[in-house]
Protein backbone atom coordinates (compact mmCIF):
# COMPACT_ATOMS: atom_id res chain seq x y z
CA MET A 1 -28.93 -157.60 6.66
CA ASP A 2 -31.66 -157.46 4.16
CA TYR A 3 -34.04 -160.58 3.49
CA SER A 4 -31.83 -162.12 0.53
CA ASP A 5 -28.84 -162.40 3.03
CA LYS A 6 -30.78 -164.02 5.68
CA ALA A 7 -32.42 -166.75 3.30
CA SER A 8 -28.68 -167.65 1.88
CA ARG A 9 -27.35 -168.24 5.62
CA LYS A 10 -30.09 -170.69 6.17
CA VAL A 11 -29.16 -172.88 3.25
CA GLY A 12 -26.06 -173.44 4.49
CA THR A 13 -27.31 -173.86 8.13
CA ARG A 14 -30.15 -175.69 7.51
CA ASN A 15 -28.48 -178.23 5.13
CA ALA A 16 -25.31 -178.68 6.41
CA LEU A 17 -25.01 -181.97 6.98
CA TYR A 18 -26.08 -182.88 3.53
CA ILE A 19 -23.79 -180.41 2.21
CA LEU A 20 -20.82 -182.18 4.04
CA LEU A 21 -21.92 -185.45 3.20
CA LEU A 22 -21.90 -184.60 -0.51
CA ILE A 23 -18.70 -182.95 -0.09
CA SER A 24 -17.09 -186.29 1.87
CA ALA A 25 -19.00 -188.59 -1.20
CA LEU A 26 -16.89 -186.50 -3.97
CA ILE A 27 -13.54 -186.33 -2.13
CA LEU A 28 -14.57 -190.12 -1.76
CA ILE A 29 -14.98 -190.81 -5.40
CA ARG A 30 -11.59 -189.07 -6.10
CA GLU A 31 -9.86 -191.05 -3.58
CA ALA A 32 -11.31 -194.31 -4.90
CA PHE A 33 -10.34 -193.70 -8.15
CA SER A 34 -6.75 -192.67 -6.92
CA MET A 35 -6.19 -195.88 -5.39
CA ALA A 36 -8.14 -198.02 -7.92
CA THR A 37 -5.24 -196.92 -10.19
CA VAL A 38 -2.06 -196.50 -8.11
CA ASN A 39 -0.04 -198.85 -9.95
CA ASN A 40 -1.25 -197.96 -13.40
CA ALA A 41 0.18 -194.03 -14.42
CA GLU A 42 -1.13 -194.51 -17.90
CA LYS A 43 -4.89 -195.03 -16.79
CA GLN A 44 -4.67 -192.39 -13.85
CA ASN A 45 -3.16 -189.83 -16.19
CA ASN A 46 -5.72 -190.59 -19.21
CA GLU A 47 -7.71 -187.12 -19.57
CA HIS A 48 -10.96 -189.24 -19.97
CA PHE A 49 -10.77 -190.55 -16.49
CA TRP A 50 -8.41 -187.68 -14.80
CA TYR A 51 -10.97 -184.77 -15.21
CA PRO A 52 -14.48 -186.37 -14.15
CA LEU A 53 -13.05 -188.51 -11.36
CA ILE A 54 -10.14 -186.39 -9.87
CA ALA A 55 -10.45 -182.80 -11.09
CA LEU A 56 -14.46 -181.97 -11.05
CA PRO A 57 -15.10 -183.87 -7.52
CA GLU A 58 -12.43 -181.92 -6.19
CA ILE A 59 -13.57 -178.30 -7.76
CA LEU A 60 -17.14 -179.17 -6.57
CA ALA A 61 -16.28 -179.89 -3.27
CA VAL A 62 -14.74 -176.64 -3.07
CA VAL A 63 -17.39 -174.64 -4.52
CA LEU A 64 -19.58 -176.59 -1.64
CA TYR A 65 -17.51 -175.21 1.05
CA THR A 66 -18.58 -171.36 -0.16
CA THR A 67 -22.20 -172.19 0.53
CA ARG A 68 -23.33 -169.42 3.01
CA GLY A 69 -23.96 -170.69 6.58
CA LEU A 70 -22.02 -173.77 6.24
CA VAL A 71 -18.47 -172.26 7.95
CA PRO A 72 -19.16 -169.41 10.52
CA ALA A 73 -18.23 -166.22 9.91
CA ARG A 74 -15.48 -164.64 12.40
CA SER A 75 -17.69 -162.28 13.56
CA GLU A 76 -20.06 -165.60 14.56
CA LEU A 77 -17.09 -167.16 16.85
CA PRO A 78 -16.63 -166.71 20.39
CA LYS A 79 -14.43 -164.20 21.60
CA THR A 80 -11.63 -165.73 23.51
CA SER A 81 -9.40 -163.80 26.09
CA SER A 82 -5.74 -163.86 25.50
CA ASN A 83 -3.52 -163.66 28.84
């Protein structure tokens, strides 16, 4: 493991709480817009609202989940014995 890999792993581990809070806020924005426009399909499907309030928060949340160190690798998980 070289230095750059160690440094990038620390970002997710060190800032996990903030990253997860940001992901939660993005999903909350998405859901709030969906609930506010549940009875107005025309407004909900308007691309001027849909892209920044539905698509963008979801894409950003997925990108934030890829932060190295946020989710442990399989090799870091404890081994379980199968009986």
